[in-house]
Amino acid sequence: MKNTAHNITAEEAITEVTRRFSEKITPAMAAVITHDSDPVALQYLPDIRELETRPEEHVDPIGDHTYSPVKGIVHRHADRVLFKVSSVCAVNCRFCFRKMMLGTPEETLNLQEVDEALAYIENHPEIWEVILTGGDPLILSPRRISRLMDRLEAIDHVRIIRIHSRIPVADPQRMDDAFCQLLNREKPVYMVIHINHVQEITPQAEQIFRRLHRNGVTLLSQSVLLKNINDTVEALESLYRKLVEMRIKPYYLHHPDLVPGTNHFRVGIEQGQLLMKNLRARASGLCLPAYVLDIPGGYGKIPLENAYITSVSGGYIITDYQGRNHTYSKN
């Protein structure tokens, strides 16, 4: 492990952290922080441990660049692409798997490059779903968002538009009625909202969720399993119950990626598996996301939950959520 914070003061170390990855937080998120180590503060405030890097960590931990045929497009799976339409976010999450790319010239698209990315989508009829990501796609101006949605809707083989965003939670004031109406489309629009702790859900965010629902947007959530933030069954249960009550289906719980300087956020896979097992015993299936690992190198996501079925002679052994084994015939 390399520790570049050696022999410098804490103030100098924090300055170096923010030089590498700037501190960025919205008034909405700053307002819910109660102290420097609460579950929201830990997501956004710089930490000198970010200067510690490990050999297994990588600037592109899930292999975006390996599967990028044109700038802004990641085509890892045949039927869908990521379209990285923005290289910046409203907030800078300290654990972000793209933190080393955000705001860089290599990730920022000009208008010609946006057109080239759209042309790639138009010329690949196997693309059924386009996922707008970044950065955060909803940080773009309403005019640009409207233009993008119009262009994507005009591509016949694109049947689903998905948006990954933190904006409804982190910067809800951006999303007035007119903004949300831009997303009301003939083709299905799904929005996956990044949220990690129930403390992030403000009354303003709840208002945005209602606006999006009224405009026909189907809402899902994705969270990252983070040490000392949401790595208890109580934290996950309260978050997912609240989301389901607001008609938001928990979709993914991501095992944290191997990003430089984020080891202090990571938990063990076994701990994550136990959390999901305990959550299954306590909460409705509506509250259960898929616990997944994005395999380093760009090989896609796999579920990480313990197997509940084992093949044996003549049948299977099925393990229920309380750990009890049951036989099940193959016939």
Protein backbone atom coordinates (compact mmCIF):
# COMPACT_ATOMS: atom_id res chain seq x y z
CA MET A 1 0.00 0.00 0.00
CA LYS A 2 1.21 3.48 -0.88
CA ASN A 3 0.52 6.30 1.58
CA THR A 4 1.30 9.68 0.07
CA ALA A 5 0.12 11.45 3.25
CA HIS A 6 3.36 10.45 5.07
CA ASN A 7 5.22 13.30 6.79
CA ILE A 8 2.72 16.05 5.96
CA THR A 9 0.25 17.81 8.24
CA ALA A 10 -3.44 16.93 8.32
CA GLU A 11 -4.27 20.30 6.73
CA GLU A 12 -1.76 19.68 3.92
CA ALA A 13 -3.16 16.19 3.42
CA ILE A 14 -6.74 17.45 3.04
CA THR A 15 -5.51 20.09 0.58
CA GLU A 16 -3.89 17.34 -1.46
CA VAL A 17 -7.07 15.22 -1.31
CA THR A 18 -9.19 18.06 -2.68
CA ARG A 19 -6.58 18.84 -5.32
CA ARG A 20 -6.94 15.32 -6.66
CA PHE A 21 -10.73 15.19 -6.31
CA SER A 22 -12.47 18.41 -5.40
CA GLU A 23 -14.96 18.71 -2.57
CA LYS A 24 -18.43 19.40 -3.96
CA ILE A 25 -21.68 19.36 -2.03
CA THR A 26 -25.05 21.02 -2.60
CA PRO A 27 -26.95 23.11 -0.03
CA ALA A 28 -29.58 20.36 0.11
CA MET A 29 -27.06 17.78 1.28
CA ALA A 30 -25.08 20.15 3.49
CA ALA A 31 -28.32 20.99 5.32
CA VAL A 32 -28.93 17.40 6.46
CA ILE A 33 -25.43 16.86 7.88
CA THR A 34 -25.49 16.88 11.67
CA HIS A 35 -21.80 16.17 12.37
CA ASP A 36 -18.61 15.34 10.48
CA SER A 37 -19.01 11.58 10.78
CA ASP A 38 -22.70 11.13 10.10
CA PRO A 39 -23.81 8.95 7.14
CA VAL A 40 -24.16 11.90 4.75
CA ALA A 41 -21.00 13.74 5.77
CA LEU A 42 -18.88 10.63 5.25
CA GLN A 43 -20.06 10.43 1.63
CA TYR A 44 -19.03 13.96 0.70
CA LEU A 45 -16.38 15.35 3.04
CA PRO A 46 -12.73 14.73 2.03
CA ASP A 47 -10.71 12.29 4.12
CA ILE A 48 -6.93 11.96 4.32
CA ARG A 49 -7.34 8.20 3.84
CA GLU A 50 -8.11 8.97 0.19
CA LEU A 51 -4.37 9.44 -0.25
CA GLU A 52 -3.80 5.76 0.56
CA THR A 53 -3.80 3.58 -2.54
CA ARG A 54 -3.61 -0.19 -2.80
CA PRO A 55 -2.17 -2.36 -5.59
CA GLU A 56 -5.57 -3.77 -6.58
CA GLU A 57 -7.14 -0.33 -7.05
CA HIS A 58 -7.55 1.12 -10.55
CA VAL A 59 -8.58 4.43 -12.12
CA ASP A 60 -11.05 2.56 -14.36
CA PRO A 61 -12.13 -0.25 -12.02
CA ILE A 62 -14.98 -1.63 -14.16
CA GLY A 63 -13.32 -1.28 -17.56
CA ASP A 64 -15.34 1.52 -19.15
CA HIS A 65 -12.54 2.44 -21.53
CA THR A 66 -12.06 -1.14 -22.72
CA TYR A 67 -15.62 -1.23 -24.06
CA SER A 68 -15.84 2.30 -25.47
CA PRO A 69 -16.12 2.13 -29.30
CA VAL A 70 -16.64 5.89 -29.56
CA LYS A 71 -16.20 8.64 -27.02
CA GLY A 72 -19.07 8.72 -24.54
CA ILE A 73 -20.37 5.23 -25.30
CA VAL A 74 -19.73 2.07 -23.27
CA HIS A 75 -21.04 -1.00 -25.13
CA ARG A 76 -20.39 -3.92 -22.80
CA HIS A 77 -23.66 -5.82 -23.33
CA ALA A 78 -25.15 -6.43 -26.77
CA ASP A 79 -28.62 -5.01 -26.15
CA ARG A 80 -27.73 -1.85 -24.21
CA VAL A 81 -25.18 0.94 -23.97
CA LEU A 82 -24.10 3.48 -21.42
CA PHE A 83 -24.16 6.99 -22.86
CA LYS A 84 -21.96 9.21 -20.67
CA VAL A 85 -23.53 12.53 -21.61
CA SER A 86 -21.99 14.55 -18.76
CA SER A 87 -18.63 14.41 -17.04
CA VAL A 88 -19.64 16.31 -13.88
CA CYS A 89 -22.09 15.88 -11.01
CA ALA A 90 -23.93 18.17 -8.61
CA VAL A 91 -22.00 16.53 -5.76
CA ASN A 92 -18.72 14.64 -5.58
CA CYS A 93 -19.11 11.31 -3.78
CA ARG A 94 -15.77 10.39 -2.24
CA PHE A 95 -16.26 6.68 -3.14
CA CYS A 96 -17.32 7.27 -6.77
CA PHE A 97 -16.08 4.59 -9.16
CA ARG A 98 -15.49 7.28 -11.80
CA LYS A 99 -13.92 9.83 -9.44
CA MET A 100 -10.62 9.82 -11.38
CA MET A 101 -12.47 10.61 -14.64
CA LEU A 102 -15.00 13.27 -13.65
CA GLY A 103 -14.47 16.64 -15.28
CA THR A 104 -11.51 15.52 -17.38
CA PRO A 105 -11.13 16.48 -21.07
CA GLU A 106 -11.10 12.76 -21.93
CA GLU A 107 -14.66 12.40 -20.57
CA THR A 108 -16.19 15.74 -21.60
CA LEU A 109 -18.22 15.62 -24.81
CA ASN A 110 -18.54 18.49 -27.26
CA LEU A 111 -21.60 18.77 -29.53
CA GLN A 112 -19.91 16.92 -32.40
CA GLU A 113 -18.96 14.04 -30.10
CA VAL A 114 -22.54 13.86 -28.80
CA ASP A 115 -23.73 13.54 -32.41
CA GLU A 116 -21.14 10.84 -33.09
CA ALA A 117 -22.29 8.89 -30.02
CA LEU A 118 -25.92 9.18 -31.15
CA ALA A 119 -24.91 8.04 -34.64
CA TYR A 120 -23.31 4.95 -33.09
CA ILE A 121 -26.60 4.13 -31.36
CA GLU A 122 -28.55 4.73 -34.57
CA ASN A 123 -26.24 2.41 -36.52
CA HIS A 124 -26.48 -0.52 -34.07
CA PRO A 125 -29.99 -1.99 -34.24
CA GLU A 126 -29.21 -4.49 -31.48
CA ILE A 127 -29.29 -1.63 -28.95
CA TRP A 128 -32.64 -1.95 -27.17
CA GLU A 129 -31.86 0.23 -24.14
CA VAL A 130 -29.83 3.42 -23.71
CA ILE A 131 -28.64 4.31 -20.21
CA LEU A 132 -27.86 8.00 -19.72
CA THR A 133 -25.10 8.38 -17.16
CA GLY A 134 -21.93 10.36 -16.56
CA GLY A 135 -21.22 12.21 -14.35
CA ASP A 136 -24.86 13.03 -13.88
CA PRO A 137 -27.00 13.44 -16.99
CA LEU A 138 -29.56 15.61 -15.19
CA ILE A 139 -27.00 18.33 -14.55
CA LEU A 140 -27.40 19.28 -18.21
CA SER A 141 -29.65 22.19 -19.16
CA PRO A 142 -33.31 21.43 -19.84
CA ARG A 143 -32.75 22.32 -23.50
CA ARG A 144 -29.97 19.76 -23.88
CA ILE A 145 -31.88 17.08 -22.00
CA SER A 146 -34.93 17.67 -24.20
CA ARG A 147 -32.81 17.42 -27.35
CA LEU A 148 -31.23 14.17 -26.19
CA MET A 149 -34.56 12.62 -25.32
CA ASP A 150 -36.01 13.68 -28.68
CA ARG A 151 -33.10 12.12 -30.55
CA LEU A 152 -33.29 8.87 -28.61
CA GLU A 153 -37.06 8.59 -29.00
CA ALA A 154 -36.64 8.98 -32.76
CA ILE A 155 -34.45 5.84 -32.97
CA ASP A 156 -36.91 3.03 -33.63
CA HIS A 157 -34.87 0.15 -32.18
CA VAL A 158 -34.24 2.00 -28.90
CA ARG A 159 -37.23 0.92 -26.85
CA ILE A 160 -36.14 1.85 -23.32
CA ILE A 161 -34.45 4.99 -21.98
CA ARG A 162 -32.87 4.71 -18.56
CA ILE A 163 -31.39 7.60 -16.55
CA HIS A 164 -28.94 7.17 -13.67
CA SER A 165 -28.93 10.23 -11.43
CA ARG A 166 -28.25 11.61 -7.96
CA ILE A 167 -29.93 14.95 -8.72
CA PRO A 168 -33.44 14.18 -7.33
CA VAL A 169 -31.86 13.61 -3.92
CA ALA A 170 -28.72 15.76 -3.99
CA ASP A 171 -30.02 18.83 -5.84
CA PRO A 172 -33.83 18.68 -5.99
CA GLN A 173 -34.24 22.42 -6.60
CA ARG A 174 -33.08 21.85 -10.20
CA MET A 175 -36.13 19.72 -10.97
CA ASP A 176 -39.16 21.95 -11.19
CA ASP A 177 -42.40 20.92 -12.90
CA ALA A 178 -41.19 21.96 -16.35
CA PHE A 179 -37.98 19.99 -15.93
CA CYS A 180 -39.83 16.83 -14.93
CA GLN A 181 -42.26 17.23 -17.83
CA LEU A 182 -39.32 16.93 -20.24
CA LEU A 183 -39.09 13.28 -19.18
CA ASN A 184 -42.72 12.48 -19.97
CA ARG A 185 -42.28 10.41 -23.14
CA GLU A 186 -44.05 7.91 -25.32
CA LYS A 187 -41.27 5.39 -24.79
CA PRO A 188 -40.74 4.04 -21.27
CA VAL A 189 -38.37 6.13 -19.16
CA TYR A 190 -36.81 4.54 -16.10
CA MET A 191 -34.80 6.50 -13.57
CA VAL A 192 -32.38 4.81 -11.19
CA ILE A 193 -31.78 7.18 -8.30
CA HIS A 194 -28.50 6.85 -6.38
CA ILE A 195 -29.23 7.01 -2.65
CA ASN A 196 -27.35 5.33 0.18
CA HIS A 197 -29.01 6.37 3.44
CA VAL A 198 -32.49 7.35 4.56
CA GLN A 199 -31.06 10.60 5.97
CA GLU A 200 -30.64 11.82 2.37
CA ILE A 201 -34.39 11.77 1.73
CA THR A 202 -35.60 15.32 2.30
CA PRO A 203 -39.16 16.65 1.85
CA GLN A 204 -37.90 18.36 -1.30
CA ALA A 205 -36.66 15.03 -2.69
CA GLU A 206 -40.03 13.42 -1.93
CA GLN A 207 -41.71 16.19 -3.90
CA ILE A 208 -39.48 15.43 -6.90
CA PHE A 209 -40.31 11.74 -6.70
CA ARG A 210 -44.02 12.62 -6.86
CA ARG A 211 -43.43 14.90 -9.86
CA LEU A 212 -41.54 12.18 -11.69
CA HIS A 213 -44.26 9.65 -11.00
CA ARG A 214 -46.89 12.06 -12.32
CA ASN A 215 -44.87 12.33 -15.52
CA GLY A 216 -44.78 8.60 -16.10
CA VAL A 217 -41.20 7.93 -15.01
CA THR A 218 -40.65 4.55 -13.34
CA LEU A 219 -38.35 4.96 -10.34
CA LEU A 220 -35.77 2.49 -9.06
CA SER A 221 -32.85 2.97 -6.69
CA GLN A 222 -29.23 1.96 -6.51
CA SER A 223 -27.03 2.11 -3.44
CA VAL A 224 -23.41 1.36 -2.67
CA LEU A 225 -22.66 -0.72 0.42
CA LEU A 226 -20.40 1.59 2.43
CA LYS A 227 -18.57 1.00 5.69
CA ASN A 228 -19.90 3.07 8.62
CA ILE A 229 -22.63 4.53 6.40
CA ASN A 230 -25.15 1.80 5.58
CA ASP A 231 -23.41 -1.45 6.54
CA THR A 232 -26.03 -2.52 9.09
CA VAL A 233 -29.29 -4.32 8.46
CA GLU A 234 -31.10 -1.53 10.31
CA ALA A 235 -29.71 1.14 7.97
CA LEU A 236 -30.58 -0.84 4.84
CA GLU A 237 -34.02 -1.81 6.11
CA SER A 238 -35.00 1.77 6.96
CA LEU A 239 -33.76 3.02 3.58
CA TYR A 240 -35.50 0.36 1.52
CA ARG A 241 -38.78 0.53 3.43
CA LYS A 242 -38.87 4.29 2.92
CA LEU A 243 -38.12 3.93 -0.80
CA VAL A 244 -40.84 1.34 -1.34
CA GLU A 245 -43.32 3.55 0.52
CA MET A 246 -42.47 6.26 -2.04
CA ARG A 247 -43.02 3.82 -4.94
CA ILE A 248 -39.30 3.43 -5.64
CA LYS A 249 -38.14 -0.16 -6.17
CA PRO A 250 -34.71 -0.97 -4.71
CA TYR A 251 -32.79 -2.26 -7.72
CA TYR A 252 -29.08 -2.64 -6.98
CA LEU A 253 -26.93 -2.73 -3.86
CA HIS A 254 -23.42 -2.42 -5.26
CA HIS A 255 -20.41 -3.92 -3.58
CA PRO A 256 -17.93 -0.99 -3.57
CA ASP A 257 -15.54 -0.84 -6.51
CA LEU A 258 -11.74 -0.89 -6.30
CA VAL A 259 -11.25 2.86 -6.74
CA PRO A 260 -7.95 4.46 -5.63
CA GLY A 261 -8.19 5.84 -2.11
CA THR A 262 -11.49 4.20 -1.17
CA ASN A 263 -10.41 1.23 0.92
CA HIS A 264 -11.86 2.86 4.06
CA PHE A 265 -15.34 2.59 2.48
CA ARG A 266 -15.13 -1.07 1.59
CA VAL A 267 -16.66 -3.99 3.50
CA GLY A 268 -16.09 -7.70 2.97
CA ILE A 269 -18.29 -9.69 0.60
CA GLU A 270 -19.16 -12.08 3.42
CA GLN A 271 -20.49 -9.16 5.47
CA GLY A 272 -22.61 -8.02 2.54
CA GLN A 273 -23.99 -11.52 2.07
CA LEU A 274 -24.93 -11.73 5.75
CA LEU A 275 -26.61 -8.33 5.58
CA MET A 276 -28.74 -9.46 2.65
CA LYS A 277 -29.63 -12.70 4.40
CA ASN A 278 -30.74 -10.78 7.49
CA LEU A 279 -32.61 -8.23 5.38
CA ARG A 280 -34.49 -11.03 3.63
CA ALA A 281 -35.59 -12.33 7.03
CA ARG A 282 -36.92 -8.92 8.10
CA ALA A 283 -38.37 -7.17 5.07
CA SER A 284 -40.77 -7.70 2.20
CA GLY A 285 -39.36 -8.89 -1.11
CA LEU A 286 -40.24 -5.45 -2.47
CA CYS A 287 -37.47 -4.09 -0.24
CA LEU A 288 -34.75 -6.42 -1.53
CA PRO A 289 -32.31 -5.16 -4.17
CA ALA A 290 -29.86 -7.38 -6.02
CA TYR A 291 -26.52 -7.36 -4.17
CA VAL A 292 -23.99 -7.24 -7.00
CA LEU A 293 -20.31 -7.00 -7.80
CA ASP A 294 -19.10 -5.29 -10.96
CA ILE A 295 -16.22 -7.62 -11.85
CA PRO A 296 -12.99 -5.61 -12.24
CA GLY A 297 -11.90 -5.29 -15.86
CA GLY A 298 -15.30 -4.83 -17.45
CA TYR A 299 -16.76 -8.33 -17.21
CA GLY A 300 -20.16 -7.19 -15.98
CA LYS A 301 -22.18 -7.57 -12.78
CA ILE A 302 -22.81 -10.80 -10.89
CA PRO A 303 -25.11 -11.41 -7.91
CA LEU A 304 -23.24 -11.97 -4.66
CA GLU A 305 -25.88 -13.47 -2.43
CA ASN A 306 -25.25 -16.91 -0.91
CA ALA A 307 -26.64 -19.79 -2.94
CA TYR A 308 -29.91 -21.05 -1.51
CA ILE A 309 -29.94 -24.28 -3.52
CA THR A 310 -27.43 -27.16 -3.69
CA SER A 311 -27.74 -30.09 -6.10
CA VAL A 312 -27.49 -33.54 -4.48
CA SER A 313 -28.25 -37.09 -5.64
CA GLY A 314 -31.92 -37.32 -6.55
CA GLY A 315 -32.78 -33.69 -5.85
CA TYR A 316 -31.74 -30.50 -4.11
CA ILE A 317 -31.10 -29.14 -0.68
CA ILE A 318 -32.93 -25.81 -0.31
CA THR A 319 -31.87 -23.45 2.48
CA ASP A 320 -34.50 -21.02 3.73
CA TYR A 321 -33.87 -17.51 5.06
CA GLN A 322 -33.53 -18.85 8.62
CA GLY A 323 -30.80 -21.28 7.60
CA ARG A 324 -32.99 -24.42 7.72
CA ASN A 325 -32.38 -27.07 5.04
CA HIS A 326 -35.15 -28.77 3.08
CA THR A 327 -35.09 -31.52 0.44
CA TYR A 328 -36.64 -30.90 -2.97
CA SER A 329 -37.12 -33.64 -5.59
CA LYS A 330 -35.86 -33.27 -9.16
CA ASN A 331 -39.04 -34.97 -10.43
